[in-house]
């Protein structure tokens, strides 16, 4: 007969760990804690920082372009993207906390859309390839749509968090197209 566990502890039993001597598995919420959220935020803001390096003169380039009347001021992009990158990280974190289905496809789409996001800034600002940047942002919209659908299978809140990002990317795609056509 085994001695009772010390007071205030939970016995390890077959409920989660299988054999009584094996440690219990952590629930997904414990594995996807605040450190993972910080890591995801780090990834998203690293994409922003790399994009910032690739567009050191973005403000000057943007001001020199023939812009439509509905184009936002250059000063708006930084604050908007700061918030959006945060929501992209939190959405992924929510899915990782409580996956309801195989998570790999959702996270692959998340990584693809983030990679396409990363590619846009150097294409548009550093290389001045407005047409290629437009092709990239269209692919980004498709990958983002797939991400939203995949995240929705796990957590509705995660999918909803990506909707402002999708709206901003769609707006940016329309602006990119106009800038390409007017400045080619």
N, C-alpha and C. Protein backbone atom coordinates (compact mmCIF):
# COMPACT_ATOMS: atom_id res chain seq x y z
N UNK A 1 0.83 -1.17 0.00
CA UNK A 1 0.00 0.00 0.00
C UNK A 1 0.88 1.24 0.00
N UNK A 2 0.52 2.22 -0.80
CA UNK A 2 1.30 3.46 -0.90
C UNK A 2 0.87 4.42 0.19
N UNK A 3 1.82 5.19 0.71
CA UNK A 3 1.45 6.20 1.70
C UNK A 3 0.64 7.31 1.02
N UNK A 4 -0.20 7.97 1.76
CA UNK A 4 -0.98 9.07 1.15
C UNK A 4 -0.05 10.20 0.76
N UNK A 5 -0.44 10.97 -0.27
CA UNK A 5 0.40 12.11 -0.67
C UNK A 5 0.42 13.16 0.42
N UNK A 6 1.49 13.97 0.43
CA UNK A 6 1.56 15.06 1.42
C UNK A 6 0.36 15.98 1.26
N UNK A 7 -0.02 16.57 2.35
CA UNK A 7 -1.16 17.47 2.37
C UNK A 7 -0.95 18.65 1.41
N UNK A 8 -1.98 19.01 0.66
CA UNK A 8 -1.90 20.17 -0.25
C UNK A 8 -1.36 19.79 -1.63
N UNK A 9 -1.03 18.52 -1.86
CA UNK A 9 -0.57 18.12 -3.20
C UNK A 9 -1.62 17.26 -3.84
N UNK A 10 -1.54 17.16 -5.13
CA UNK A 10 -2.49 16.37 -5.90
C UNK A 10 -1.79 15.08 -6.30
N UNK A 11 -2.39 13.94 -6.04
CA UNK A 11 -1.74 12.69 -6.42
C UNK A 11 -1.68 12.57 -7.94
N UNK A 12 -0.61 11.96 -8.41
CA UNK A 12 -0.47 11.68 -9.83
C UNK A 12 -1.15 10.36 -10.07
N UNK A 13 -2.13 10.35 -10.89
CA UNK A 13 -2.87 9.12 -11.11
C UNK A 13 -3.07 8.83 -12.57
N UNK A 14 -3.76 7.77 -12.86
CA UNK A 14 -3.95 7.36 -14.24
C UNK A 14 -4.84 8.28 -15.05
N UNK A 15 -5.51 9.25 -14.39
CA UNK A 15 -6.42 10.12 -15.12
C UNK A 15 -5.76 10.81 -16.30
N UNK A 16 -4.57 11.37 -16.13
CA UNK A 16 -3.90 12.09 -17.21
C UNK A 16 -2.58 11.46 -17.60
N UNK A 17 -1.83 10.98 -16.64
CA UNK A 17 -0.48 10.52 -16.92
C UNK A 17 -0.38 9.07 -17.32
N UNK A 18 -1.45 8.32 -17.26
CA UNK A 18 -1.39 6.91 -17.61
C UNK A 18 -1.04 6.09 -16.38
N UNK A 19 0.17 5.70 -16.25
CA UNK A 19 0.64 4.90 -15.11
C UNK A 19 0.79 5.80 -13.89
N UNK A 20 0.53 5.26 -12.73
CA UNK A 20 0.53 6.04 -11.48
C UNK A 20 1.87 6.71 -11.21
N UNK A 21 2.98 6.14 -11.65
CA UNK A 21 4.30 6.72 -11.39
C UNK A 21 4.73 7.75 -12.43
N UNK A 22 3.95 7.90 -13.50
CA UNK A 22 4.29 8.88 -14.54
C UNK A 22 3.74 10.24 -14.16
N UNK A 23 4.44 11.31 -14.51
CA UNK A 23 3.89 12.64 -14.21
C UNK A 23 2.66 12.92 -15.07
N UNK A 24 1.74 13.65 -14.52
CA UNK A 24 0.53 14.03 -15.26
C UNK A 24 0.90 14.99 -16.37
N UNK A 25 0.18 14.89 -17.49
CA UNK A 25 0.40 15.82 -18.59
C UNK A 25 -0.19 17.16 -18.21
N UNK A 26 0.49 18.21 -18.66
CA UNK A 26 -0.04 19.55 -18.39
C UNK A 26 -1.19 19.83 -19.34
N UNK A 27 -2.21 20.51 -18.86
CA UNK A 27 -3.27 20.92 -19.79
C UNK A 27 -2.71 21.94 -20.77
N UNK A 28 -3.33 22.07 -21.96
CA UNK A 28 -2.83 23.01 -22.95
C UNK A 28 -2.69 24.43 -22.41
N UNK A 29 -3.59 24.84 -21.52
CA UNK A 29 -3.52 26.20 -20.97
C UNK A 29 -2.21 26.44 -20.23
N UNK A 30 -1.69 25.40 -19.56
CA UNK A 30 -0.43 25.55 -18.82
C UNK A 30 0.75 25.62 -19.76
N UNK A 31 0.69 24.87 -20.87
CA UNK A 31 1.80 24.89 -21.82
C UNK A 31 1.84 26.18 -22.61
N UNK A 32 0.70 26.81 -22.80
CA UNK A 32 0.60 28.03 -23.61
C UNK A 32 0.41 29.22 -22.68
N UNK A 33 1.31 29.39 -21.76
CA UNK A 33 1.21 30.46 -20.79
C UNK A 33 1.78 31.77 -21.26
N UNK A 34 2.09 32.64 -20.32
CA UNK A 34 2.56 33.99 -20.66
C UNK A 34 3.89 34.01 -21.41
N UNK A 35 4.74 33.02 -21.18
CA UNK A 35 6.02 33.00 -21.91
C UNK A 35 5.79 32.77 -23.40
N UNK A 36 4.84 31.90 -23.72
CA UNK A 36 4.53 31.68 -25.13
C UNK A 36 3.95 32.95 -25.75
N UNK A 37 3.08 33.63 -25.03
CA UNK A 37 2.53 34.89 -25.53
C UNK A 37 3.65 35.89 -25.79
N UNK A 38 4.59 36.00 -24.88
CA UNK A 38 5.73 36.91 -25.09
C UNK A 38 6.53 36.50 -26.31
N UNK A 39 6.70 35.20 -26.51
CA UNK A 39 7.43 34.72 -27.69
C UNK A 39 6.71 35.07 -28.97
N UNK A 40 5.40 34.88 -29.00
CA UNK A 40 4.61 35.22 -30.19
C UNK A 40 4.63 36.72 -30.45
N UNK A 41 4.53 37.51 -29.39
CA UNK A 41 4.65 38.97 -29.55
C UNK A 41 6.03 39.32 -30.10
N UNK A 42 7.06 38.63 -29.60
CA UNK A 42 8.42 38.86 -30.09
C UNK A 42 8.55 38.57 -31.57
N UNK A 43 7.95 37.46 -32.02
CA UNK A 43 7.99 37.12 -33.45
C UNK A 43 7.30 38.19 -34.27
N UNK A 44 6.10 38.58 -33.85
CA UNK A 44 5.34 39.58 -34.62
C UNK A 44 6.05 40.93 -34.66
N UNK A 45 6.59 41.35 -33.52
CA UNK A 45 7.27 42.65 -33.52
C UNK A 45 8.64 42.57 -34.18
N UNK A 46 9.23 41.38 -34.28
CA UNK A 46 10.47 41.22 -35.06
C UNK A 46 10.16 41.42 -36.54
N UNK A 47 9.02 40.91 -36.99
CA UNK A 47 8.59 41.15 -38.37
C UNK A 47 8.44 42.66 -38.60
N UNK A 48 7.85 43.34 -37.65
CA UNK A 48 7.69 44.80 -37.77
C UNK A 48 9.05 45.49 -37.81
N UNK A 49 9.98 45.05 -36.94
CA UNK A 49 11.30 45.69 -36.89
C UNK A 49 12.08 45.46 -38.18
N UNK A 50 12.02 44.25 -38.71
CA UNK A 50 12.72 43.96 -39.96
C UNK A 50 12.11 44.79 -41.09
N UNK A 51 10.79 44.88 -41.09
CA UNK A 51 10.14 45.73 -42.09
C UNK A 51 10.56 47.18 -41.94
N UNK A 52 10.72 47.64 -40.69
CA UNK A 52 11.17 49.00 -40.45
C UNK A 52 12.58 49.25 -40.97
N UNK A 53 13.44 48.25 -40.81
CA UNK A 53 14.81 48.37 -41.33
C UNK A 53 14.82 48.42 -42.85
N UNK A 54 13.91 47.66 -43.46
CA UNK A 54 13.85 47.62 -44.92
C UNK A 54 13.22 48.88 -45.50
N UNK A 55 12.60 49.66 -44.65
CA UNK A 55 11.92 50.86 -45.14
C UNK A 55 12.37 52.09 -44.36
N UNK A 56 13.67 52.23 -44.22
CA UNK A 56 14.22 53.33 -43.43
C UNK A 56 13.70 54.69 -43.92
N UNK A 57 13.50 54.83 -45.22
CA UNK A 57 13.03 56.10 -45.77
C UNK A 57 11.58 55.98 -46.25
N UNK A 58 10.78 55.16 -45.56
CA UNK A 58 9.40 54.94 -45.99
C UNK A 58 8.60 56.23 -46.00
N UNK A 59 8.77 57.06 -44.97
CA UNK A 59 8.02 58.30 -44.90
C UNK A 59 8.29 59.20 -46.10
N UNK A 60 9.56 59.35 -46.44
CA UNK A 60 9.93 60.17 -47.59
C UNK A 60 9.42 59.59 -48.90
N UNK A 61 9.55 58.27 -49.03
CA UNK A 61 9.07 57.60 -50.24
C UNK A 61 7.56 57.78 -50.38
N UNK A 62 6.85 57.55 -49.28
CA UNK A 62 5.38 57.66 -49.29
C UNK A 62 4.96 59.09 -49.64
N UNK A 63 5.63 60.08 -49.06
CA UNK A 63 5.28 61.48 -49.34
C UNK A 63 5.54 61.85 -50.79
N UNK A 64 6.54 61.21 -51.42
CA UNK A 64 6.89 61.56 -52.80
C UNK A 64 5.95 60.92 -53.83
N UNK A 65 5.15 59.97 -53.40
CA UNK A 65 4.25 59.29 -54.34
C UNK A 65 3.00 60.12 -54.61
N UNK A 66 2.46 59.93 -55.80
CA UNK A 66 1.17 60.53 -56.14
C UNK A 66 0.11 59.66 -55.46
N UNK A 67 -0.50 60.19 -54.38
CA UNK A 67 -1.43 59.43 -53.55
C UNK A 67 -2.87 59.85 -53.81
N UNK A 68 -3.79 58.90 -53.65
CA UNK A 68 -5.21 59.25 -53.80
C UNK A 68 -5.67 60.07 -52.59
N UNK A 69 -6.77 60.77 -52.71
CA UNK A 69 -7.26 61.60 -51.59
C UNK A 69 -7.61 60.78 -50.35
N UNK A 70 -7.90 59.50 -50.51
CA UNK A 70 -8.30 58.65 -49.38
C UNK A 70 -7.10 57.97 -48.71
N UNK A 71 -5.90 58.31 -49.15
CA UNK A 71 -4.69 57.73 -48.54
C UNK A 71 -4.49 58.32 -47.14
N UNK A 72 -4.17 57.47 -46.17
CA UNK A 72 -3.96 57.99 -44.81
C UNK A 72 -2.62 58.72 -44.70
N UNK A 73 -2.47 59.57 -43.69
CA UNK A 73 -1.18 60.20 -43.48
C UNK A 73 -0.15 59.16 -43.05
N UNK A 74 1.10 59.40 -43.37
CA UNK A 74 2.17 58.46 -43.04
C UNK A 74 2.24 58.18 -41.54
N UNK A 75 1.90 59.18 -40.74
CA UNK A 75 1.99 59.03 -39.28
C UNK A 75 1.00 58.01 -38.71
N UNK A 76 0.01 57.59 -39.49
CA UNK A 76 -0.99 56.65 -39.01
C UNK A 76 -0.51 55.19 -39.06
N UNK A 77 0.41 54.89 -39.98
CA UNK A 77 0.81 53.50 -40.19
C UNK A 77 1.47 52.87 -38.96
N UNK A 78 2.37 53.56 -38.32
CA UNK A 78 3.08 53.00 -37.16
C UNK A 78 2.14 52.58 -36.04
N UNK A 79 1.27 53.48 -35.55
CA UNK A 79 0.36 53.08 -34.48
C UNK A 79 -0.60 51.96 -34.87
N UNK A 80 -1.11 52.00 -36.10
CA UNK A 80 -2.05 50.96 -36.53
C UNK A 80 -1.35 49.61 -36.56
N UNK A 81 -0.16 49.55 -37.16
CA UNK A 81 0.55 48.28 -37.25
C UNK A 81 1.00 47.78 -35.88
N UNK A 82 1.31 48.67 -34.98
CA UNK A 82 1.69 48.24 -33.63
C UNK A 82 0.54 47.47 -32.97
N UNK A 83 -0.66 48.00 -33.07
CA UNK A 83 -1.83 47.33 -32.50
C UNK A 83 -2.11 46.03 -33.25
N UNK A 84 -2.06 46.07 -34.57
CA UNK A 84 -2.41 44.88 -35.36
C UNK A 84 -1.44 43.73 -35.12
N UNK A 85 -0.14 44.01 -35.04
CA UNK A 85 0.81 42.93 -34.76
C UNK A 85 0.54 42.31 -33.39
N UNK A 86 0.11 43.11 -32.44
CA UNK A 86 -0.25 42.57 -31.13
C UNK A 86 -1.44 41.64 -31.23
N UNK A 87 -2.45 42.01 -32.01
CA UNK A 87 -3.63 41.14 -32.14
C UNK A 87 -3.29 39.85 -32.88
N UNK A 88 -2.37 39.92 -33.83
CA UNK A 88 -1.95 38.72 -34.56
C UNK A 88 -1.30 37.72 -33.60
N UNK A 89 -0.48 38.23 -32.68
CA UNK A 89 0.18 37.38 -31.69
C UNK A 89 -0.84 36.80 -30.71
N UNK A 90 -1.73 37.62 -30.21
CA UNK A 90 -2.73 37.15 -29.23
C UNK A 90 -3.66 36.12 -29.87
N UNK A 91 -4.03 36.31 -31.13
CA UNK A 91 -4.89 35.34 -31.81
C UNK A 91 -4.22 33.97 -31.86
N UNK A 92 -2.95 33.94 -32.23
CA UNK A 92 -2.22 32.67 -32.27
C UNK A 92 -2.14 32.05 -30.88
N UNK A 93 -1.89 32.87 -29.89
CA UNK A 93 -1.78 32.39 -28.51
C UNK A 93 -3.10 31.77 -28.04
N UNK A 94 -4.21 32.40 -28.38
CA UNK A 94 -5.51 31.84 -28.00
C UNK A 94 -5.72 30.46 -28.61
N UNK A 95 -5.32 30.29 -29.86
CA UNK A 95 -5.46 28.97 -30.50
C UNK A 95 -4.56 27.95 -29.83
N UNK A 96 -3.36 28.35 -29.49
CA UNK A 96 -2.42 27.42 -28.86
C UNK A 96 -2.86 27.04 -27.45
N UNK A 97 -3.63 27.90 -26.81
CA UNK A 97 -4.09 27.60 -25.45
C UNK A 97 -5.10 26.46 -25.42
N UNK A 98 -6.02 26.45 -26.34
CA UNK A 98 -7.06 25.42 -26.34
C UNK A 98 -7.36 24.96 -27.77
N UNK A 99 -6.47 24.18 -28.35
CA UNK A 99 -6.76 23.71 -29.71
C UNK A 99 -7.95 22.75 -29.72
N UNK A 100 -8.84 22.94 -30.67
CA UNK A 100 -10.02 22.10 -30.78
C UNK A 100 -9.87 21.07 -31.90
N UNK A 101 -8.84 21.18 -32.67
CA UNK A 101 -8.59 20.30 -33.81
C UNK A 101 -7.07 20.27 -34.01
N UNK A 102 -6.58 19.50 -34.96
CA UNK A 102 -5.14 19.56 -35.21
C UNK A 102 -4.71 21.01 -35.49
N UNK A 103 -3.70 21.43 -34.78
CA UNK A 103 -3.31 22.84 -34.80
C UNK A 103 -2.32 23.18 -35.92
N UNK A 104 -1.60 22.19 -36.42
CA UNK A 104 -0.55 22.46 -37.41
C UNK A 104 -1.04 23.27 -38.61
N UNK A 105 -2.15 22.92 -39.27
CA UNK A 105 -2.57 23.72 -40.44
C UNK A 105 -2.81 25.19 -40.09
N UNK A 106 -3.43 25.44 -38.95
CA UNK A 106 -3.70 26.82 -38.55
C UNK A 106 -2.41 27.59 -38.34
N UNK A 107 -1.44 26.97 -37.69
CA UNK A 107 -0.18 27.68 -37.41
C UNK A 107 0.68 27.81 -38.66
N UNK A 108 0.56 26.86 -39.58
CA UNK A 108 1.27 27.01 -40.87
C UNK A 108 0.73 28.22 -41.62
N UNK A 109 -0.61 28.34 -41.68
CA UNK A 109 -1.21 29.51 -42.34
C UNK A 109 -0.80 30.80 -41.63
N UNK A 110 -0.75 30.76 -40.30
CA UNK A 110 -0.33 31.95 -39.53
C UNK A 110 1.08 32.35 -39.92
N UNK A 111 1.98 31.37 -40.02
CA UNK A 111 3.37 31.66 -40.38
C UNK A 111 3.48 32.15 -41.83
N UNK A 112 2.69 31.57 -42.72
CA UNK A 112 2.73 31.99 -44.13
C UNK A 112 2.28 33.44 -44.26
N UNK A 113 1.18 33.79 -43.62
CA UNK A 113 0.70 35.17 -43.75
C UNK A 113 1.69 36.14 -43.13
N UNK A 114 2.35 35.73 -42.04
CA UNK A 114 3.34 36.61 -41.42
C UNK A 114 4.56 36.78 -42.34
N UNK A 115 4.96 35.71 -43.01
CA UNK A 115 6.07 35.79 -43.97
C UNK A 115 5.73 36.70 -45.15
N UNK A 116 4.51 36.59 -45.66
CA UNK A 116 4.09 37.47 -46.76
C UNK A 116 4.02 38.91 -46.29
N UNK A 117 3.58 39.11 -45.06
CA UNK A 117 3.56 40.45 -44.48
C UNK A 117 4.99 41.01 -44.43
N UNK A 118 5.91 40.18 -43.99
CA UNK A 118 7.32 40.59 -43.90
C UNK A 118 7.88 40.97 -45.27
N UNK A 119 7.49 40.23 -46.31
CA UNK A 119 8.03 40.48 -47.65
C UNK A 119 7.51 41.78 -48.27
N UNK A 120 6.33 42.23 -47.87
CA UNK A 120 5.72 43.38 -48.55
C UNK A 120 6.55 44.65 -48.41
N UNK A 121 6.98 44.98 -47.22
CA UNK A 121 7.66 46.25 -47.00
C UNK A 121 8.94 46.39 -47.83
N UNK A 122 9.83 45.39 -47.85
CA UNK A 122 11.01 45.54 -48.71
C UNK A 122 10.65 45.63 -50.19
N UNK A 123 9.62 44.89 -50.61
CA UNK A 123 9.22 44.96 -52.02
C UNK A 123 8.72 46.36 -52.37
N UNK A 124 7.89 46.93 -51.52
CA UNK A 124 7.29 48.21 -51.83
C UNK A 124 8.27 49.37 -51.63
N UNK A 125 8.86 49.45 -50.44
CA UNK A 125 9.68 50.62 -50.12
C UNK A 125 11.14 50.49 -50.54
N UNK A 126 11.79 49.38 -50.22
CA UNK A 126 13.22 49.25 -50.52
C UNK A 126 13.45 49.03 -52.01
N UNK A 127 12.65 48.15 -52.63
CA UNK A 127 12.87 47.83 -54.04
C UNK A 127 12.02 48.68 -54.98
N UNK A 128 10.99 49.34 -54.46
CA UNK A 128 10.12 50.13 -55.32
C UNK A 128 9.35 49.28 -56.33
N UNK A 129 9.14 48.03 -56.01
CA UNK A 129 8.44 47.10 -56.88
C UNK A 129 6.95 47.07 -56.50
N UNK A 130 6.23 48.10 -56.91
CA UNK A 130 4.85 48.25 -56.50
C UNK A 130 3.96 47.13 -57.02
N UNK A 131 4.21 46.64 -58.23
CA UNK A 131 3.44 45.54 -58.79
C UNK A 131 3.68 44.24 -58.04
N UNK A 132 4.94 43.93 -57.76
CA UNK A 132 5.24 42.73 -56.98
C UNK A 132 4.70 42.84 -55.56
N UNK A 133 4.77 44.04 -55.01
CA UNK A 133 4.22 44.26 -53.67
C UNK A 133 2.71 44.03 -53.68
N UNK A 134 2.04 44.44 -54.77
CA UNK A 134 0.60 44.20 -54.86
C UNK A 134 0.30 42.71 -54.96
N UNK A 135 1.08 41.97 -55.75
CA UNK A 135 0.91 40.51 -55.84
C UNK A 135 1.11 39.88 -54.46
N UNK A 136 2.12 40.35 -53.74
CA UNK A 136 2.40 39.83 -52.40
C UNK A 136 1.23 40.10 -51.45
N UNK A 137 0.70 41.31 -51.48
CA UNK A 137 -0.38 41.64 -50.54
C UNK A 137 -1.66 40.89 -50.90
N UNK A 138 -1.86 40.57 -52.18
CA UNK A 138 -3.03 39.74 -52.55
C UNK A 138 -2.86 38.33 -52.00
N UNK A 139 -1.65 37.78 -52.11
CA UNK A 139 -1.37 36.47 -51.51
C UNK A 139 -1.52 36.53 -49.99
N UNK A 140 -1.09 37.65 -49.40
CA UNK A 140 -1.25 37.84 -47.96
C UNK A 140 -2.73 37.79 -47.57
N UNK A 141 -3.57 38.44 -48.34
CA UNK A 141 -5.02 38.40 -48.05
C UNK A 141 -5.58 36.98 -48.13
N UNK A 142 -5.13 36.21 -49.11
CA UNK A 142 -5.58 34.83 -49.23
C UNK A 142 -5.10 34.00 -48.04
N UNK A 143 -3.83 34.14 -47.68
CA UNK A 143 -3.28 33.39 -46.54
C UNK A 143 -3.94 33.84 -45.24
N UNK A 144 -4.23 35.11 -45.13
CA UNK A 144 -4.89 35.62 -43.93
C UNK A 144 -6.32 35.09 -43.83
N UNK A 145 -7.01 34.99 -44.95
CA UNK A 145 -8.35 34.41 -44.95
C UNK A 145 -8.29 32.95 -44.51
N UNK A 146 -7.32 32.21 -45.02
CA UNK A 146 -7.15 30.81 -44.60
C UNK A 146 -6.82 30.73 -43.11
N UNK A 147 -6.03 31.67 -42.61
CA UNK A 147 -5.69 31.70 -41.18
C UNK A 147 -6.94 31.96 -40.35
N UNK A 148 -7.74 32.91 -40.76
CA UNK A 148 -8.97 33.23 -40.02
C UNK A 148 -9.89 32.02 -39.97
N UNK A 149 -10.06 31.34 -41.10
CA UNK A 149 -10.91 30.15 -41.13
C UNK A 149 -10.33 29.06 -40.22
N UNK A 150 -9.03 28.83 -40.31
CA UNK A 150 -8.40 27.79 -39.49
C UNK A 150 -8.46 28.15 -38.01
N UNK A 151 -8.21 29.42 -37.68
CA UNK A 151 -8.30 29.84 -36.27
C UNK A 151 -9.73 29.72 -35.76
N UNK A 152 -10.71 29.99 -36.62
CA UNK A 152 -12.11 29.88 -36.22
C UNK A 152 -12.50 28.47 -35.81
N UNK A 153 -11.80 27.48 -36.33
CA UNK A 153 -12.06 26.09 -35.94
C UNK A 153 -11.58 25.81 -34.52
N UNK A 154 -10.70 26.65 -34.02
CA UNK A 154 -10.14 26.47 -32.67
C UNK A 154 -10.80 27.40 -31.66
N UNK A 155 -10.77 28.68 -31.97
CA UNK A 155 -11.30 29.69 -31.06
C UNK A 155 -11.91 30.80 -31.89
N UNK A 156 -13.18 31.04 -31.69
CA UNK A 156 -13.86 32.10 -32.43
C UNK A 156 -13.21 33.46 -32.13
N UNK A 157 -12.83 33.67 -30.88
CA UNK A 157 -12.20 34.94 -30.51
C UNK A 157 -10.91 35.17 -31.29
N UNK A 158 -10.16 34.11 -31.53
CA UNK A 158 -8.90 34.24 -32.28
C UNK A 158 -9.18 34.69 -33.71
N UNK A 159 -10.19 34.10 -34.32
CA UNK A 159 -10.56 34.50 -35.69
C UNK A 159 -11.05 35.95 -35.71
N UNK A 160 -11.87 36.32 -34.73
CA UNK A 160 -12.39 37.69 -34.68
C UNK A 160 -11.27 38.72 -34.47
N UNK A 161 -10.25 38.35 -33.71
CA UNK A 161 -9.13 39.26 -33.49
C UNK A 161 -8.39 39.58 -34.79
N UNK A 162 -8.46 38.69 -35.76
CA UNK A 162 -7.75 38.91 -37.03
C UNK A 162 -8.56 39.73 -38.03
N UNK A 163 -9.84 39.97 -37.75
CA UNK A 163 -10.67 40.72 -38.71
C UNK A 163 -10.21 42.17 -38.92
N UNK A 164 -9.84 42.93 -37.88
CA UNK A 164 -9.32 44.28 -38.15
C UNK A 164 -8.04 44.26 -38.99
N UNK A 165 -7.20 43.27 -38.74
CA UNK A 165 -5.98 43.09 -39.53
C UNK A 165 -6.34 42.84 -40.99
N UNK A 166 -7.32 41.96 -41.23
CA UNK A 166 -7.74 41.67 -42.60
C UNK A 166 -8.32 42.92 -43.27
N UNK A 167 -9.10 43.69 -42.53
CA UNK A 167 -9.67 44.91 -43.09
C UNK A 167 -8.56 45.90 -43.46
N UNK A 168 -7.57 46.04 -42.58
CA UNK A 168 -6.47 46.97 -42.85
C UNK A 168 -5.64 46.49 -44.04
N UNK A 169 -5.40 45.19 -44.14
CA UNK A 169 -4.63 44.65 -45.27
C UNK A 169 -5.40 44.84 -46.57
N UNK A 170 -6.71 44.67 -46.54
CA UNK A 170 -7.53 44.90 -47.74
C UNK A 170 -7.45 46.37 -48.16
N UNK A 171 -7.53 47.26 -47.18
CA UNK A 171 -7.39 48.70 -47.46
C UNK A 171 -6.00 49.00 -48.02
N UNK A 172 -4.97 48.39 -47.41
CA UNK A 172 -3.60 48.60 -47.89
C UNK A 172 -3.42 48.04 -49.29
N UNK A 173 -4.11 46.94 -49.61
CA UNK A 173 -4.02 46.38 -50.96
C UNK A 173 -4.62 47.34 -51.98
N UNK A 174 -5.76 47.93 -51.64
CA UNK A 174 -6.38 48.90 -52.54
C UNK A 174 -5.46 50.11 -52.71
N UNK A 175 -4.86 50.57 -51.62
CA UNK A 175 -3.93 51.69 -51.70
C UNK A 175 -2.70 51.31 -52.53
N UNK A 176 -2.17 50.11 -52.32
CA UNK A 176 -1.02 49.64 -53.08
C UNK A 176 -1.33 49.63 -54.58
N UNK A 177 -2.51 49.12 -54.95
CA UNK A 177 -2.91 49.09 -56.35
C UNK A 177 -2.99 50.50 -56.92
N UNK A 178 -3.60 51.40 -56.21
CA UNK A 178 -3.72 52.78 -56.69
C UNK A 178 -2.34 53.42 -56.84
N UNK A 179 -1.48 53.22 -55.85
CA UNK A 179 -0.13 53.80 -55.92
C UNK A 179 0.66 53.20 -57.08
N UNK A 180 0.49 51.92 -57.33
CA UNK A 180 1.19 51.26 -58.43
C UNK A 180 0.73 51.85 -59.76
N UNK A 181 -0.60 51.96 -59.94
CA UNK A 181 -1.13 52.48 -61.20
C UNK A 181 -0.81 53.94 -61.41
N UNK A 182 -0.81 54.73 -60.35
CA UNK A 182 -0.56 56.16 -60.49
C UNK A 182 0.91 56.54 -60.52
N UNK A 183 1.78 55.64 -60.10
CA UNK A 183 3.21 55.99 -60.01
C UNK A 183 4.11 55.08 -60.83
N UNK A 184 3.52 54.36 -61.77
CA UNK A 184 4.32 53.44 -62.62
C UNK A 184 5.01 54.20 -63.73
